[in-house]
Amino acid sequence: MKLDLILAKVFKFVVFVIFTFMTLVYFGVLLVLPLDVLFQIVRIFSAIGLPTALAAVAGIAAFGYLGYALSKMPAVWELVLDIGKQLVAFGQAQLQRFDAVIEEAAGAPR
């Protein structure tokens, strides 16, 4: 294999890994963020002086109300998911740009 072809394929793989990592981090944060919010609410109630069991109950109730308030705003969820979809589409577009470079490197005689 030619050096140009090998470098083009390596760079394409590196870009693939970077965009895959970015997408996994984005959707991972979306999954872990509600748990962290609940944990912080319980910590606040516990710091106020409530016993841990009562702080957990109050935290779950406050988190439920927060979820209810967010469910009344569907534009927020559409925006968050649209950003994720755009991230995936942008990564695919960048990977497709490497195809022309790889074809050129494979077809060019030395």
N, C-alpha and C. Protein backbone atom coordinates (compact mmCIF):
# COMPACT_ATOMS: atom_id res chain seq x y z
N MET A 1 0.84 -1.19 0.00
CA MET A 1 0.00 0.00 0.00
C MET A 1 0.88 1.24 0.00
N LYS A 2 0.35 2.26 -0.60
CA LYS A 2 1.09 3.52 -0.65
C LYS A 2 0.92 4.29 0.65
N LEU A 3 1.89 5.11 0.93
CA LEU A 3 1.88 5.89 2.16
C LEU A 3 0.70 6.86 2.19
N ASP A 4 0.35 7.46 1.05
CA ASP A 4 -0.78 8.39 0.99
C ASP A 4 -2.08 7.69 1.37
N LEU A 5 -2.25 6.48 0.86
CA LEU A 5 -3.48 5.73 1.12
C LEU A 5 -3.55 5.33 2.60
N ILE A 6 -2.44 4.91 3.14
CA ILE A 6 -2.41 4.51 4.55
C ILE A 6 -2.71 5.71 5.45
N LEU A 7 -2.10 6.86 5.16
CA LEU A 7 -2.34 8.05 5.97
C LEU A 7 -3.80 8.51 5.88
N ALA A 8 -4.36 8.45 4.69
CA ALA A 8 -5.76 8.86 4.52
C ALA A 8 -6.69 7.96 5.32
N LYS A 9 -6.43 6.66 5.31
CA LYS A 9 -7.28 5.73 6.06
C LYS A 9 -7.08 5.90 7.57
N VAL A 10 -5.87 6.17 7.99
CA VAL A 10 -5.63 6.40 9.42
C VAL A 10 -6.34 7.66 9.88
N PHE A 11 -6.24 8.74 9.11
CA PHE A 11 -6.92 9.98 9.49
C PHE A 11 -8.44 9.80 9.49
N LYS A 12 -8.96 9.04 8.56
CA LYS A 12 -10.40 8.78 8.53
C LYS A 12 -10.81 8.01 9.79
N PHE A 13 -10.00 7.05 10.19
CA PHE A 13 -10.31 6.30 11.41
C PHE A 13 -10.24 7.20 12.65
N VAL A 14 -9.25 8.07 12.70
CA VAL A 14 -9.12 8.99 13.84
C VAL A 14 -10.33 9.92 13.92
N VAL A 15 -10.76 10.44 12.79
CA VAL A 15 -11.94 11.31 12.77
C VAL A 15 -13.18 10.53 13.19
N PHE A 16 -13.29 9.28 12.74
CA PHE A 16 -14.41 8.43 13.14
C PHE A 16 -14.43 8.22 14.65
N VAL A 17 -13.28 7.95 15.24
CA VAL A 17 -13.19 7.74 16.69
C VAL A 17 -13.55 9.02 17.44
N ILE A 18 -13.08 10.16 16.96
CA ILE A 18 -13.36 11.43 17.64
C ILE A 18 -14.85 11.74 17.62
N PHE A 19 -15.49 11.60 16.46
CA PHE A 19 -16.92 11.91 16.39
C PHE A 19 -17.76 10.87 17.13
N THR A 20 -17.33 9.62 17.15
CA THR A 20 -18.04 8.62 17.94
C THR A 20 -17.94 8.95 19.41
N PHE A 21 -16.76 9.33 19.88
CA PHE A 21 -16.59 9.70 21.28
C PHE A 21 -17.44 10.92 21.63
N MET A 22 -17.46 11.93 20.76
CA MET A 22 -18.25 13.13 21.02
C MET A 22 -19.74 12.80 21.13
N THR A 23 -20.22 11.94 20.24
CA THR A 23 -21.63 11.57 20.26
C THR A 23 -21.97 10.77 21.51
N LEU A 24 -21.10 9.83 21.88
CA LEU A 24 -21.34 9.05 23.09
C LEU A 24 -21.32 9.92 24.34
N VAL A 25 -20.43 10.88 24.39
CA VAL A 25 -20.37 11.79 25.54
C VAL A 25 -21.64 12.64 25.59
N TYR A 26 -22.10 13.13 24.45
CA TYR A 26 -23.29 13.98 24.42
C TYR A 26 -24.51 13.22 24.94
N PHE A 27 -24.75 12.03 24.41
CA PHE A 27 -25.92 11.28 24.84
C PHE A 27 -25.72 10.68 26.23
N GLY A 28 -24.49 10.41 26.63
CA GLY A 28 -24.22 9.95 27.99
C GLY A 28 -24.53 11.02 29.02
N VAL A 29 -24.19 12.26 28.70
CA VAL A 29 -24.51 13.37 29.60
C VAL A 29 -26.03 13.52 29.71
N LEU A 30 -26.74 13.31 28.62
CA LEU A 30 -28.20 13.40 28.68
C LEU A 30 -28.79 12.32 29.58
N LEU A 31 -28.13 11.18 29.66
CA LEU A 31 -28.62 10.11 30.52
C LEU A 31 -28.25 10.33 31.99
N VAL A 32 -27.08 10.87 32.27
CA VAL A 32 -26.60 11.00 33.64
C VAL A 32 -27.06 12.31 34.29
N LEU A 33 -27.36 13.31 33.49
CA LEU A 33 -27.73 14.62 34.04
C LEU A 33 -28.94 14.57 34.98
N PRO A 34 -30.03 13.87 34.65
CA PRO A 34 -31.15 13.82 35.61
C PRO A 34 -30.78 13.18 36.95
N LEU A 35 -29.94 12.16 36.92
CA LEU A 35 -29.51 11.54 38.17
C LEU A 35 -28.69 12.52 39.02
N ASP A 36 -27.86 13.29 38.38
CA ASP A 36 -27.06 14.28 39.11
C ASP A 36 -27.95 15.38 39.68
N VAL A 37 -28.93 15.81 38.92
CA VAL A 37 -29.85 16.84 39.43
C VAL A 37 -30.58 16.32 40.66
N LEU A 38 -31.05 15.09 40.60
CA LEU A 38 -31.74 14.50 41.76
C LEU A 38 -30.79 14.42 42.95
N PHE A 39 -29.57 14.00 42.73
CA PHE A 39 -28.59 13.90 43.81
C PHE A 39 -28.34 15.27 44.45
N GLN A 40 -28.20 16.31 43.63
CA GLN A 40 -27.94 17.65 44.17
C GLN A 40 -29.14 18.20 44.94
N ILE A 41 -30.35 17.90 44.46
CA ILE A 41 -31.55 18.35 45.19
C ILE A 41 -31.62 17.68 46.55
N VAL A 42 -31.33 16.38 46.60
CA VAL A 42 -31.34 15.67 47.88
C VAL A 42 -30.26 16.23 48.80
N ARG A 43 -29.10 16.55 48.26
CA ARG A 43 -28.02 17.14 49.08
C ARG A 43 -28.44 18.49 49.66
N ILE A 44 -29.15 19.29 48.85
CA ILE A 44 -29.61 20.60 49.34
C ILE A 44 -30.59 20.42 50.49
N PHE A 45 -31.55 19.51 50.32
CA PHE A 45 -32.52 19.27 51.39
C PHE A 45 -31.86 18.69 52.63
N SER A 46 -30.86 17.87 52.42
CA SER A 46 -30.14 17.30 53.55
C SER A 46 -29.30 18.36 54.26
N ALA A 47 -28.74 19.29 53.51
CA ALA A 47 -27.95 20.37 54.11
C ALA A 47 -28.82 21.34 54.89
N ILE A 48 -30.08 21.46 54.50
CA ILE A 48 -31.00 22.34 55.22
C ILE A 48 -31.26 21.79 56.62
N GLY A 49 -31.18 20.48 56.77
CA GLY A 49 -31.37 19.89 58.08
C GLY A 49 -32.37 18.76 58.10
N LEU A 50 -32.93 18.42 56.97
CA LEU A 50 -33.87 17.30 56.93
C LEU A 50 -33.11 15.98 57.09
N PRO A 51 -33.72 15.01 57.74
CA PRO A 51 -33.09 13.68 57.77
C PRO A 51 -32.97 13.12 56.35
N THR A 52 -32.07 12.19 56.17
CA THR A 52 -31.76 11.68 54.83
C THR A 52 -32.99 11.09 54.14
N ALA A 53 -33.78 10.33 54.86
CA ALA A 53 -34.97 9.71 54.25
C ALA A 53 -35.96 10.77 53.80
N LEU A 54 -36.21 11.78 54.64
CA LEU A 54 -37.13 12.85 54.26
C LEU A 54 -36.54 13.70 53.12
N ALA A 55 -35.22 13.90 53.14
CA ALA A 55 -34.58 14.66 52.07
C ALA A 55 -34.72 13.92 50.75
N ALA A 56 -34.61 12.59 50.78
CA ALA A 56 -34.77 11.81 49.56
C ALA A 56 -36.20 11.90 49.03
N VAL A 57 -37.16 11.81 49.91
CA VAL A 57 -38.57 11.92 49.49
C VAL A 57 -38.84 13.31 48.93
N ALA A 58 -38.39 14.33 49.62
CA ALA A 58 -38.60 15.70 49.14
C ALA A 58 -37.85 15.94 47.83
N GLY A 59 -36.65 15.36 47.72
CA GLY A 59 -35.88 15.51 46.48
C GLY A 59 -36.55 14.84 45.30
N ILE A 60 -37.11 13.67 45.53
CA ILE A 60 -37.82 12.97 44.45
C ILE A 60 -39.06 13.76 44.04
N ALA A 61 -39.75 14.32 45.02
CA ALA A 61 -40.93 15.13 44.70
C ALA A 61 -40.54 16.39 43.92
N ALA A 62 -39.47 17.05 44.35
CA ALA A 62 -39.01 18.26 43.64
C ALA A 62 -38.53 17.91 42.24
N PHE A 63 -37.85 16.78 42.12
CA PHE A 63 -37.39 16.35 40.79
C PHE A 63 -38.56 15.99 39.89
N GLY A 64 -39.59 15.38 40.46
CA GLY A 64 -40.80 15.08 39.69
C GLY A 64 -41.47 16.34 39.18
N TYR A 65 -41.53 17.36 40.03
CA TYR A 65 -42.11 18.63 39.59
C TYR A 65 -41.26 19.26 38.50
N LEU A 66 -39.95 19.18 38.64
CA LEU A 66 -39.05 19.72 37.60
C LEU A 66 -39.27 18.98 36.27
N GLY A 67 -39.41 17.67 36.35
CA GLY A 67 -39.70 16.89 35.13
C GLY A 67 -41.04 17.26 34.53
N TYR A 68 -42.04 17.51 35.38
CA TYR A 68 -43.35 17.93 34.89
C TYR A 68 -43.26 19.29 34.20
N ALA A 69 -42.51 20.21 34.78
CA ALA A 69 -42.35 21.54 34.18
C ALA A 69 -41.63 21.44 32.84
N LEU A 70 -40.64 20.56 32.74
CA LEU A 70 -39.93 20.39 31.46
C LEU A 70 -40.80 19.70 30.41
N SER A 71 -41.71 18.83 30.86
CA SER A 71 -42.58 18.16 29.90
C SER A 71 -43.56 19.13 29.25
N LYS A 72 -43.78 20.27 29.89
CA LYS A 72 -44.66 21.29 29.32
C LYS A 72 -43.95 22.12 28.24
N MET A 73 -42.63 21.90 28.08
CA MET A 73 -41.85 22.63 27.08
C MET A 73 -41.27 21.64 26.06
N PRO A 74 -42.06 21.19 25.09
CA PRO A 74 -41.55 20.20 24.13
C PRO A 74 -40.46 20.75 23.21
N ALA A 75 -40.37 22.06 23.10
CA ALA A 75 -39.33 22.64 22.25
C ALA A 75 -37.94 22.37 22.81
N VAL A 76 -37.83 22.24 24.12
CA VAL A 76 -36.53 21.96 24.73
C VAL A 76 -36.04 20.58 24.32
N TRP A 77 -36.93 19.57 24.41
CA TRP A 77 -36.53 18.21 24.04
C TRP A 77 -36.22 18.11 22.56
N GLU A 78 -37.02 18.79 21.73
CA GLU A 78 -36.76 18.78 20.29
C GLU A 78 -35.41 19.40 19.99
N LEU A 79 -35.07 20.48 20.69
CA LEU A 79 -33.79 21.15 20.49
C LEU A 79 -32.63 20.25 20.89
N VAL A 80 -32.74 19.60 22.04
CA VAL A 80 -31.66 18.74 22.53
C VAL A 80 -31.44 17.56 21.58
N LEU A 81 -32.52 16.93 21.15
CA LEU A 81 -32.38 15.79 20.23
C LEU A 81 -31.91 16.24 18.85
N ASP A 82 -32.35 17.41 18.41
CA ASP A 82 -31.90 17.92 17.12
C ASP A 82 -30.40 18.21 17.12
N ILE A 83 -29.90 18.71 18.23
CA ILE A 83 -28.45 18.95 18.34
C ILE A 83 -27.70 17.63 18.22
N GLY A 84 -28.19 16.59 18.87
CA GLY A 84 -27.56 15.28 18.76
C GLY A 84 -27.59 14.74 17.34
N LYS A 85 -28.73 14.89 16.67
CA LYS A 85 -28.84 14.43 15.28
C LYS A 85 -27.90 15.21 14.36
N GLN A 86 -27.78 16.51 14.60
CA GLN A 86 -26.87 17.31 13.79
C GLN A 86 -25.42 16.92 14.03
N LEU A 87 -25.09 16.55 15.24
CA LEU A 87 -23.74 16.08 15.55
C LEU A 87 -23.42 14.81 14.78
N VAL A 88 -24.37 13.88 14.74
CA VAL A 88 -24.18 12.63 14.00
C VAL A 88 -24.07 12.92 12.50
N ALA A 89 -24.93 13.77 11.98
CA ALA A 89 -24.90 14.09 10.55
C ALA A 89 -23.60 14.80 10.16
N PHE A 90 -23.12 15.68 11.02
CA PHE A 90 -21.86 16.38 10.74
C PHE A 90 -20.70 15.39 10.72
N GLY A 91 -20.69 14.45 11.65
CA GLY A 91 -19.63 13.45 11.67
C GLY A 91 -19.65 12.59 10.42
N GLN A 92 -20.85 12.20 9.96
CA GLN A 92 -20.95 11.41 8.73
C GLN A 92 -20.47 12.21 7.53
N ALA A 93 -20.80 13.48 7.48
CA ALA A 93 -20.36 14.31 6.35
C ALA A 93 -18.84 14.44 6.33
N GLN A 94 -18.23 14.56 7.50
CA GLN A 94 -16.77 14.68 7.54
C GLN A 94 -16.10 13.37 7.13
N LEU A 95 -16.69 12.25 7.48
CA LEU A 95 -16.13 10.96 7.07
C LEU A 95 -16.27 10.76 5.56
N GLN A 96 -17.35 11.23 4.97
CA GLN A 96 -17.54 11.10 3.53
C GLN A 96 -16.54 11.95 2.76
N ARG A 97 -16.06 13.00 3.35
CA ARG A 97 -15.06 13.83 2.68
C ARG A 97 -13.75 13.07 2.49
N PHE A 98 -13.48 12.11 3.34
CA PHE A 98 -12.26 11.31 3.22
C PHE A 98 -12.32 10.32 2.06
N ASP A 99 -13.54 9.95 1.62
CA ASP A 99 -13.67 8.96 0.54
C ASP A 99 -13.00 9.43 -0.74
N ALA A 100 -13.15 10.71 -1.09
CA ALA A 100 -12.53 11.24 -2.30
C ALA A 100 -11.01 11.22 -2.17
N VAL A 101 -10.51 11.52 -0.99
CA VAL A 101 -9.06 11.52 -0.77
C VAL A 101 -8.52 10.09 -0.87
N ILE A 102 -9.24 9.13 -0.32
CA ILE A 102 -8.80 7.74 -0.37
C ILE A 102 -8.83 7.22 -1.80
N GLU A 103 -9.88 7.55 -2.55
CA GLU A 103 -9.94 7.12 -3.96
C GLU A 103 -8.81 7.74 -4.77
N GLU A 104 -8.52 9.01 -4.51
CA GLU A 104 -7.44 9.67 -5.23
C GLU A 104 -6.10 9.04 -4.89
N ALA A 105 -5.88 8.71 -3.63
CA ALA A 105 -4.63 8.09 -3.21
C ALA A 105 -4.49 6.66 -3.74
N ALA A 106 -5.61 5.97 -3.86
CA ALA A 106 -5.56 4.58 -4.36
C ALA A 106 -5.34 4.54 -5.86
N GLY A 107 -5.83 5.54 -6.58
CA GLY A 107 -5.73 5.52 -8.03
C GLY A 107 -4.50 6.22 -8.60
N ALA A 108 -3.86 7.03 -7.81
CA ALA A 108 -2.72 7.82 -8.31
C ALA A 108 -1.47 6.94 -8.35
N PRO A 109 -0.87 6.76 -9.53
CA PRO A 109 0.36 5.97 -9.61
C PRO A 109 1.55 6.76 -9.08
N ARG A 110 2.53 6.06 -8.58
CA ARG A 110 3.74 6.69 -8.05
C ARG A 110 4.84 6.63 -9.05
